[in-house]
Amino acid sequence: MHIEIFGHQLKFVQDVINAKRQPLDAGIDENEAQLRAQLAQQYSRTIMQIVTSVSILAFCFWILIHSVNDQMHKAAFGLIGTVVGYWLR
C-alpha cells in the first residue's frame, strides 16, 4: 500500500523489495519481467541507502540527547532534515 504523500523514493524502495521477494510469474509479459529484473538489481543499493539513513538518524538523535553544544544540535537537526527530505522527495 502506497500513500502518495510520501513521494517517489519510498515507492521505489517498495518496488525494489517486492521485485526481489516475488519470483517471476510465467504469465507476465516481457516488459514486466524486464522491469522486475532491473528493480531486483537495485536491491543492494537500496538496502545500503536505508542502512546509511538509519545510521545517520541514530547518530543525530544520539547527538541531540547527549550533547549540550548548540552548534552540534543545529548540525544534527540539519542532517535529520536532509535525510527526511531525501526520503520524502
Foldseek 3Di string as FASTA:
>chain_A
DDDCQQDDLVVLLVLLVVLLPDDDDPPDDPVVVVVSVVSVVCNVVSVVLVVVLVVLLVVLVVCVVPPPDPVSVVVSVVSPVVSSVVRRD
